[in-house]
Amino acid sequence: MANHKSSIKRARQSQERRLRNRMVKTRVKNVTKATRAAVAENPADALAQFKAAQSTIAKAAKKGVIHKRTAARKISRLARQINAANR
């Protein structure tokens, strides 16, 4: 456990960031899952779901929660699924 005033503050800040990052990561997972489900059910309407997912993933990368290349890879994979389903 932290003993110094500065280390107590750092521990508190780390905890707050961890919880905030966890919420963002969960949101990314949920929109990804919803987009995949939309592609499976109705590929024509999945594009709107993809736009929302793309925005959420990009915001997570912008905030530094996930790496920018990880975000690009996730967006790319979703786009490939949508394009394959709409053929």
Protein backbone atom coordinates (compact mmCIF):
# COMPACT_ATOMS: atom_id res chain seq x y z
CA MET A 1 0.00 0.00 0.00
CA ALA A 2 1.18 3.52 -0.77
CA ASN A 3 2.60 5.48 2.16
CA HIS A 4 3.68 8.84 0.79
CA LYS A 5 1.22 11.55 -0.10
CA SER A 6 2.29 11.57 -3.76
CA SER A 7 2.14 7.78 -4.08
CA ILE A 8 -1.35 7.72 -2.52
CA LYS A 9 -2.46 10.24 -5.14
CA ARG A 10 -0.84 8.22 -7.95
CA ALA A 11 -2.58 5.05 -6.74
CA ARG A 12 -5.91 6.87 -6.72
CA GLN A 13 -5.33 8.31 -10.20
CA SER A 14 -4.31 4.92 -11.55
CA GLN A 15 -7.47 3.35 -10.18
CA GLU A 16 -9.66 6.05 -11.76
CA ARG A 17 -7.92 5.68 -15.12
CA ARG A 18 -8.16 1.90 -14.98
CA LEU A 19 -11.92 2.07 -14.43
CA ARG A 20 -12.37 4.69 -17.16
CA ASN A 21 -10.29 2.66 -19.64
CA ARG A 22 -12.23 -0.47 -18.77
CA MET A 23 -15.51 1.27 -19.59
CA VAL A 24 -14.18 2.41 -22.95
CA LYS A 25 -12.82 -1.04 -23.80
CA THR A 26 -16.14 -2.64 -22.88
CA ARG A 27 -17.96 -0.16 -25.11
CA VAL A 28 -15.63 -1.06 -28.00
CA LYS A 29 -16.31 -4.77 -27.47
CA ASN A 30 -20.06 -4.21 -27.32
CA VAL A 31 -20.28 -2.16 -30.52
CA THR A 32 -18.05 -4.68 -32.30
CA LYS A 33 -20.28 -7.52 -31.21
CA ALA A 34 -23.42 -5.60 -32.21
CA THR A 35 -21.97 -4.86 -35.64
CA ARG A 36 -21.08 -8.50 -36.21
CA ALA A 37 -24.61 -9.50 -35.19
CA ALA A 38 -26.09 -6.90 -37.56
CA VAL A 39 -24.00 -8.28 -40.41
CA ALA A 40 -25.28 -11.78 -39.69
CA GLU A 41 -28.94 -10.72 -39.45
CA ASN A 42 -29.36 -7.95 -42.01
CA PRO A 43 -26.26 -7.01 -44.03
CA ALA A 44 -28.01 -4.11 -45.76
CA ASP A 45 -28.69 -2.28 -42.48
CA ALA A 46 -25.34 -3.15 -40.91
CA LEU A 47 -23.69 -0.07 -42.42
CA ALA A 48 -25.30 2.28 -39.88
CA GLN A 49 -24.14 0.02 -37.06
CA PHE A 50 -20.65 0.00 -38.58
CA LYS A 51 -20.50 3.82 -38.61
CA ALA A 52 -21.26 3.90 -34.87
CA ALA A 53 -18.66 1.19 -34.19
CA GLN A 54 -16.07 3.01 -36.26
CA SER A 55 -16.64 6.20 -34.30
CA THR A 56 -16.43 4.46 -30.93
CA ILE A 57 -13.23 2.61 -31.84
CA ALA A 58 -11.60 5.77 -33.20
CA LYS A 59 -12.47 7.68 -30.03
CA ALA A 60 -10.92 4.94 -27.90
CA ALA A 61 -7.71 5.22 -29.93
CA LYS A 62 -7.76 9.00 -29.69
CA LYS A 63 -8.02 8.80 -25.91
CA GLY A 64 -5.11 6.37 -25.81
CA VAL A 65 -7.12 3.49 -24.40
CA ILE A 66 -6.20 1.29 -27.36
CA HIS A 67 -3.34 1.73 -29.81
CA LYS A 68 -4.11 3.48 -33.08
CA ARG A 69 -3.05 0.45 -35.12
CA THR A 70 -5.25 -1.81 -33.02
CA ALA A 71 -8.15 0.52 -33.75
CA ALA A 72 -7.35 0.52 -37.47
CA ARG A 73 -7.21 -3.28 -37.47
CA LYS A 74 -10.57 -3.61 -35.70
CA ILE A 75 -12.24 -1.13 -38.07
CA SER A 76 -10.69 -2.84 -41.09
CA ARG A 77 -11.90 -6.28 -40.04
CA LEU A 78 -15.44 -5.01 -39.49
CA ALA A 79 -15.41 -3.29 -42.89
CA ARG A 80 -14.23 -6.48 -44.58
CA GLN A 81 -17.08 -8.44 -43.00
CA ILE A 82 -19.66 -5.90 -44.13
CA ASN A 83 -18.26 -5.79 -47.67
CA ALA A 84 -18.22 -9.57 -47.89
CA ALA A 85 -21.82 -9.81 -46.65
CA ASN A 86 -23.10 -7.18 -49.11
CA ARG A 87 -21.76 -8.97 -52.18
